[in-house]
PDB file of N, CA and C in Angstrom:
ATOM      1  N   MET A   1       0.830  -1.311   0.080  1.00  0.00           N
ATOM      2  CA  MET A   1       0.096   0.021  -0.208  1.00  0.00           C
ATOM      3  C   MET A   1       1.081   1.116  -0.090  1.00  0.00           C
ATOM      4  N   ASP A   2       0.669   1.932  -1.103  1.00  0.00           N
ATOM      5  CA  ASP A   2       1.697   3.497  -1.227  1.00  0.00           C
ATOM      6  C   ASP A   2       0.850   4.336  -1.022  1.00  0.00           C
ATOM      7  N   ARG A   3       0.377   4.540   0.290  1.00  0.00           N
ATOM      8  CA  ARG A   3      -0.075   6.003   0.460  1.00  0.00           C
ATOM      9  C   ARG A   3       0.252   7.659   0.059  1.00  0.00           C
ATOM     10  N   GLU A   4       1.624   7.477   0.298  1.00  0.00           N
ATOM     11  CA  GLU A   4       2.347   9.011   0.019  1.00  0.00           C
ATOM     12  C   GLU A   4       3.052   8.820  -1.147  1.00  0.00           C
ATOM     13  N   GLY A   5       2.990   7.871  -2.354  1.00  0.00           N
ATOM     14  CA  GLY A   5       3.871   8.054  -3.356  1.00  0.00           C
ATOM     15  C   GLY A   5       3.477   9.308  -4.275  1.00  0.00           C
ATOM     16  N   TRP A   6       2.263   9.170  -4.573  1.00  0.00           N
ATOM     17  CA  TRP A   6       1.514  10.501  -5.103  1.00  0.00           C
ATOM     18  C   TRP A   6       2.460  11.848  -4.578  1.00  0.00           C
ATOM     19  N   PHE A   7       2.086  12.186  -3.204  1.00  0.00           N
ATOM     20  CA  PHE A   7       2.649  12.765  -2.805  1.00  0.00           C
ATOM     21  C   PHE A   7       4.132  13.121  -3.019  1.00  0.00           C
ATOM     22  N   ASN A   8       4.982  12.278  -2.650  1.00  0.00           N
ATOM     23  CA  ASN A   8       6.299  12.736  -3.012  1.00  0.00           C
ATOM     24  C   ASN A   8       6.619  12.669  -4.676  1.00  0.00           C
ATOM     25  N   GLN A   9       5.900  11.816  -5.598  1.00  0.00           N
ATOM     26  CA  GLN A   9       6.179  12.325  -6.968  1.00  0.00           C
ATOM     27  C   GLN A   9       5.875  13.697  -7.300  1.00  0.00           C
ATOM     28  N   LEU A  10       4.570  14.439  -6.881  1.00  0.00           N
ATOM     29  CA  LEU A  10       4.325  15.536  -6.677  1.00  0.00           C
ATOM     30  C   LEU A  10       5.561  16.271  -6.441  1.00  0.00           C
ATOM     31  N   PHE A  11       5.919  16.493  -5.461  1.00  0.00           N
ATOM     32  CA  PHE A  11       7.313  17.335  -5.014  1.00  0.00           C
ATOM     33  C   PHE A  11       8.788  16.873  -5.294  1.00  0.00           C
ATOM     34  N   THR A  12       8.719  15.902  -6.338  1.00  0.00           N
ATOM     35  CA  THR A  12       9.903  15.678  -7.051  1.00  0.00           C
ATOM     36  C   THR A  12       9.842  15.911  -8.425  1.00  0.00           C
ATOM     37  N   ASP A  13       8.593  15.998  -8.822  1.00  0.00           N
ATOM     38  CA  ASP A  13       8.547  16.358 -10.356  1.00  0.00           C
ATOM     39  C   ASP A  13       8.386  18.063 -10.512  1.00  0.00           C
ATOM     40  N   HIS A  14       7.798  18.645  -9.710  1.00  0.00           N
ATOM     41  CA  HIS A  14       7.853  19.974  -9.663  1.00  0.00           C
ATOM     42  C   HIS A  14       8.203  20.688  -8.774  1.00  0.00           C
ATOM     43  N   ALA A  15       9.351  21.737  -9.122  1.00  0.00           N
ATOM     44  CA  ALA A  15       9.738  22.487  -8.196  1.00  0.00           C
ATOM     45  C   ALA A  15       9.073  23.478  -7.255  1.00  0.00           C
ATOM     46  N   PHE A  16       7.905  23.906  -7.918  1.00  0.00           N
ATOM     47  CA  PHE A  16       7.233  24.925  -7.259  1.00  0.00           C
ATOM     48  C   PHE A  16       6.536  24.218  -5.716  1.00  0.00           C
ATOM     49  N   PRO A  17       5.830  23.205  -5.485  1.00  0.00           N
ATOM     50  CA  PRO A  17       5.541  22.800  -4.289  1.00  0.00           C
ATOM     51  C   PRO A  17       6.834  22.163  -3.748  1.00  0.00           C
ATOM     52  N   GLY A  18       7.710  21.965  -4.392  1.00  0.00           N
ATOM     53  CA  GLY A  18       8.705  20.966  -3.553  1.00  0.00           C
ATOM     54  C   GLY A  18       9.751  22.073  -2.691  1.00  0.00           C
ATOM     55  N   VAL A  19      10.095  23.257  -3.400  1.00  0.00           N
ATOM     56  CA  VAL A  19      10.973  23.792  -2.811  1.00  0.00           C
ATOM     57  C   VAL A  19      10.591  24.386  -1.553  1.00  0.00           C
ATOM     58  N   PRO A  20       9.229  25.211  -1.373  1.00  0.00           N
ATOM     59  CA  PRO A  20       8.825  25.628  -0.236  1.00  0.00           C
ATOM     60  C   PRO A  20       8.473  24.575   0.867  1.00  0.00           C
ATOM     61  N   ALA A  21       7.979  23.393   0.615  1.00  0.00           N
ATOM     62  CA  ALA A  21       7.805  22.294   1.429  1.00  0.00           C
ATOM     63  C   ALA A  21       9.142  21.925   1.913  1.00  0.00           C
ATOM     64  N   ASP A  22      10.246  22.005   1.199  1.00  0.00           N
ATOM     65  CA  ASP A  22      11.520  21.512   2.028  1.00  0.00           C
ATOM     66  C   ASP A  22      12.001  22.753   2.726  1.00  0.00           C
ATOM     67  N   PHE A  23      11.797  23.793   2.335  1.00  0.00           N
ATOM     68  CA  PHE A  23      12.503  24.949   3.375  1.00  0.00           C
ATOM     69  C   PHE A  23      11.523  24.874   4.553  1.00  0.00           C
ATOM     70  N   ALA A  24      10.272  24.742   4.513  1.00  0.00           N
ATOM     71  CA  ALA A  24       9.170  24.767   5.754  1.00  0.00           C
ATOM     72  C   ALA A  24       9.465  23.443   6.463  1.00  0.00           C
ATOM     73  N   TYR A  25      10.002  22.097   5.984  1.00  0.00           N
ATOM     74  CA  TYR A  25      10.523  21.029   6.953  1.00  0.00           C
ATOM     75  C   TYR A  25      11.933  21.592   7.408  1.00  0.00           C
ATOM     76  N   ALA A  26      12.720  21.738   6.671  1.00  0.00           N
ATOM     77  CA  ALA A  26      14.161  22.190   7.180  1.00  0.00           C
ATOM     78  C   ALA A  26      14.116  23.312   8.149  1.00  0.00           C
ATOM     79  N   SER A  27      13.607  24.332   8.208  1.00  0.00           N
ATOM     80  CA  SER A  27      13.669  25.264   8.679  1.00  0.00           C
ATOM     81  C   SER A  27      13.517  25.346  10.496  1.00  0.00           C
ATOM     82  N   PRO A  28      12.327  24.641  10.981  1.00  0.00           N
ATOM     83  CA  PRO A  28      12.579  23.982  12.168  1.00  0.00           C
ATOM     84  C   PRO A  28      13.801  23.642  12.868  1.00  0.00           C
ATOM     85  N   HIS A  29      14.193  22.546  11.955  1.00  0.00           N
ATOM     86  CA  HIS A  29      15.433  22.195  12.349  1.00  0.00           C
ATOM     87  C   HIS A  29      16.617  22.790  13.029  1.00  0.00           C
ATOM     88  N   TYR A  30      16.498  23.956  12.182  1.00  0.00           N
ATOM     89  CA  TYR A  30      17.289  25.094  12.609  1.00  0.00           C
ATOM     90  C   TYR A  30      17.447  25.730  14.041  1.00  0.00           C
ATOM     91  N   SER A  31      16.212  25.762  14.306  1.00  0.00           N
ATOM     92  CA  SER A  31      16.057  26.552  15.724  1.00  0.00           C
ATOM     93  C   SER A  31      15.817  25.393  16.605  1.00  0.00           C
ATOM     94  N   LEU A  32      15.269  24.428  16.105  1.00  0.00           N
ATOM     95  CA  LEU A  32      14.851  23.273  17.353  1.00  0.00           C
ATOM     96  C   LEU A  32      15.894  22.436  17.950  1.00  0.00           C
ATOM     97  N   THR A  33      16.928  22.206  16.791  1.00  0.00           N
ATOM     98  CA  THR A  33      18.061  21.212  17.334  1.00  0.00           C
ATOM     99  C   THR A  33      18.969  21.968  18.480  1.00  0.00           C
ATOM    100  N   PRO A  34      19.292  23.264  18.366  1.00  0.00           N
ATOM    101  CA  PRO A  34      20.347  23.701  19.093  1.00  0.00           C
ATOM    102  C   PRO A  34      19.120  24.203  20.602  1.00  0.00           C
ATOM    103  N   THR A  35      17.782  24.491  20.523  1.00  0.00           N
ATOM    104  CA  THR A  35      17.456  24.421  21.422  1.00  0.00           C
ATOM    105  C   THR A  35      16.888  23.402  22.231  1.00  0.00           C
ATOM    106  N   ILE A  36      16.929  22.190  21.667  1.00  0.00           N
ATOM    107  CA  ILE A  36      16.858  20.784  22.347  1.00  0.00           C
ATOM    108  C   ILE A  36      18.154  20.335  23.042  1.00  0.00           C
ATOM    109  N   LEU A  37      19.456  20.314  22.516  1.00  0.00           N
ATOM    110  CA  LEU A  37      20.540  19.917  22.655  1.00  0.00           C
ATOM    111  C   LEU A  37      21.055  21.012  23.469  1.00  0.00           C
ATOM    112  N   HIS A  38      20.933  22.146  23.490  1.00  0.00           N
ATOM    113  CA  HIS A  38      21.873  22.852  24.254  1.00  0.00           C
ATOM    114  C   HIS A  38      21.361  22.609  26.002  1.00  0.00           C
ATOM    115  N   PRO A  39      20.228  22.756  26.255  1.00  0.00           N
ATOM    116  CA  PRO A  39      19.850  22.387  27.615  1.00  0.00           C
ATOM    117  C   PRO A  39      20.081  20.706  28.082  1.00  0.00           C
ATOM    118  N   LEU A  40      20.013  19.974  27.225  1.00  0.00           N
ATOM    119  CA  LEU A  40      20.264  18.507  27.430  1.00  0.00           C
ATOM    120  C   LEU A  40      22.083  18.677  27.655  1.00  0.00           C
ATOM    121  N   MET A  41      22.586  19.674  26.890  1.00  0.00           N
ATOM    122  CA  MET A  41      24.501  19.245  26.983  1.00  0.00           C
ATOM    123  C   MET A  41      24.687  19.879  28.359  1.00  0.00           C
ATOM    124  N   THR A  42      24.062  21.183  28.565  1.00  0.00           N
ATOM    125  CA  THR A  42      24.281  21.912  29.837  1.00  0.00           C
ATOM    126  C   THR A  42      23.952  20.761  31.238  1.00  0.00           C
ATOM    127  N   ALA A  43      23.228  20.096  30.955  1.00  0.00           N
ATOM    128  CA  ALA A  43      22.567  19.327  31.971  1.00  0.00           C
ATOM    129  C   ALA A  43      23.315  18.131  32.438  1.00  0.00           C
ATOM    130  N   ARG A  44      24.037  17.430  31.244  1.00  0.00           N
ATOM    131  CA  ARG A  44      25.019  16.701  31.508  1.00  0.00           C
ATOM    132  C   ARG A  44      26.114  17.177  31.971  1.00  0.00           C
ATOM    133  N   VAL A  45      26.710  18.295  31.801  1.00  0.00           N
ATOM    134  CA  VAL A  45      27.848  18.729  32.248  1.00  0.00           C
ATOM    135  C   VAL A  45      27.810  18.996  33.577  1.00  0.00           C
ATOM    136  N   MET A  46      26.347  19.365  34.102  1.00  0.00           N
ATOM    137  CA  MET A  46      26.469  19.753  35.463  1.00  0.00           C
ATOM    138  C   MET A  46      26.176  17.948  36.288  1.00  0.00           C
ATOM    139  N   LEU A  47      25.683  17.220  35.685  1.00  0.00           N
ATOM    140  CA  LEU A  47      25.381  15.870  36.371  1.00  0.00           C
ATOM    141  C   LEU A  47      26.446  15.279  36.434  1.00  0.00           C
ATOM    142  N   VAL A  48      27.394  15.424  35.433  1.00  0.00           N
ATOM    143  CA  VAL A  48      28.694  14.246  35.463  1.00  0.00           C
ATOM    144  C   VAL A  48      29.605  14.923  36.398  1.00  0.00           C
ATOM    145  N   PRO A  49      29.990  14.463  37.313  1.00  0.00           N
ATOM    146  CA  PRO A  49      30.877  15.211  38.585  1.00  0.00           C
ATOM    147  C   PRO A  49      32.317  15.147  37.953  1.00  0.00           C
ATOM    148  N   PRO A  50      33.365  16.187  38.534  1.00  0.00           N
ATOM    149  CA  PRO A  50      34.182  16.304  37.841  1.00  0.00           C
ATOM    150  C   PRO A  50      35.225  15.218  38.205  1.00  0.00           C
ATOM    151  N   THR A  51      36.529  15.048  37.649  1.00  0.00           N
ATOM    152  CA  THR A  51      37.267  13.732  37.962  1.00  0.00           C
ATOM    153  C   THR A  51      37.912  14.254  39.703  1.00  0.00           C
ATOM    154  N   THR A  52      38.218  12.928  40.259  1.00  0.00           N
ATOM    155  CA  THR A  52      38.609  13.238  41.222  1.00  0.00           C
ATOM    156  C   THR A  52      40.073  13.190  41.543  1.00  0.00           C
ATOM    157  N   ALA A  53      40.998  12.806  40.392  1.00  0.00           N
ATOM    158  CA  ALA A  53      42.186  12.794  40.236  1.00  0.00           C
ATOM    159  C   ALA A  53      42.661  14.188  40.140  1.00  0.00           C
ATOM    160  N   PRO A  54      43.954  14.394  40.876  1.00  0.00           N
ATOM    161  CA  PRO A  54      44.318  15.788  40.888  1.00  0.00           C
ATOM    162  C   PRO A  54      45.291  15.997  39.863  1.00  0.00           C
ATOM    163  N   VAL A  55      44.928  17.216  39.049  1.00  0.00           N
ATOM    164  CA  VAL A  55      45.378  17.590  37.703  1.00  0.00           C
ATOM    165  C   VAL A  55      47.094  17.827  37.913  1.00  0.00           C
ATOM    166  N   ARG A  56      47.955  16.983  37.117  1.00  0.00           N
ATOM    167  CA  ARG A  56      49.382  16.999  37.542  1.00  0.00           C
ATOM    168  C   ARG A  56      49.946  18.371  36.478  1.00  0.00           C
ATOM    169  N   ARG A  57      50.501  19.227  37.015  1.00  0.00           N
ATOM    170  CA  ARG A  57      50.925  20.330  36.145  1.00  0.00           C
ATOM    171  C   ARG A  57      52.542  20.454  36.411  1.00  0.00           C
ATOM    172  N   PRO A  58      53.220  20.447  34.952  1.00  0.00           N
ATOM    173  CA  PRO A  58      55.071  20.432  35.012  1.00  0.00           C
ATOM    174  C   PRO A  58      55.217  21.535  35.726  1.00  0.00           C
ATOM    175  N   GLN A  59      56.147  21.522  36.550  1.00  0.00           N
ATOM    176  CA  GLN A  59      56.633  22.516  37.342  1.00  0.00           C
ATOM    177  C   GLN A  59      57.693  23.208  36.355  1.00  0.00           C
ATOM    178  N   VAL A  60      57.747  24.527  36.340  1.00  0.00           N
ATOM    179  CA  VAL A  60      58.392  25.881  36.076  1.00  0.00           C
ATOM    180  C   VAL A  60      59.648  26.162  36.772  1.00  0.00           C
ATOM    181  N   ASP A  61      60.809  25.931  36.450  1.00  0.00           N
ATOM    182  CA  ASP A  61      61.618  26.651  37.036  1.00  0.00           C
ATOM    183  C   ASP A  61      62.404  27.686  36.500  1.00  0.00           C
TER     184      ASP A  61
END
């Protein structure tokens, strides 16, 4: 059963509906991806404890 075959064919055969549809589909990704990933990455940084081993720095004479 191919329910969306005609729809895909319409967008690939004609640029007029395809270009605006591609733009409308891709545009939210540019704003939603950072909006979702930034809090997740920030929470990960806060949830992961720092290493307990002391940092060894070379002595400068």
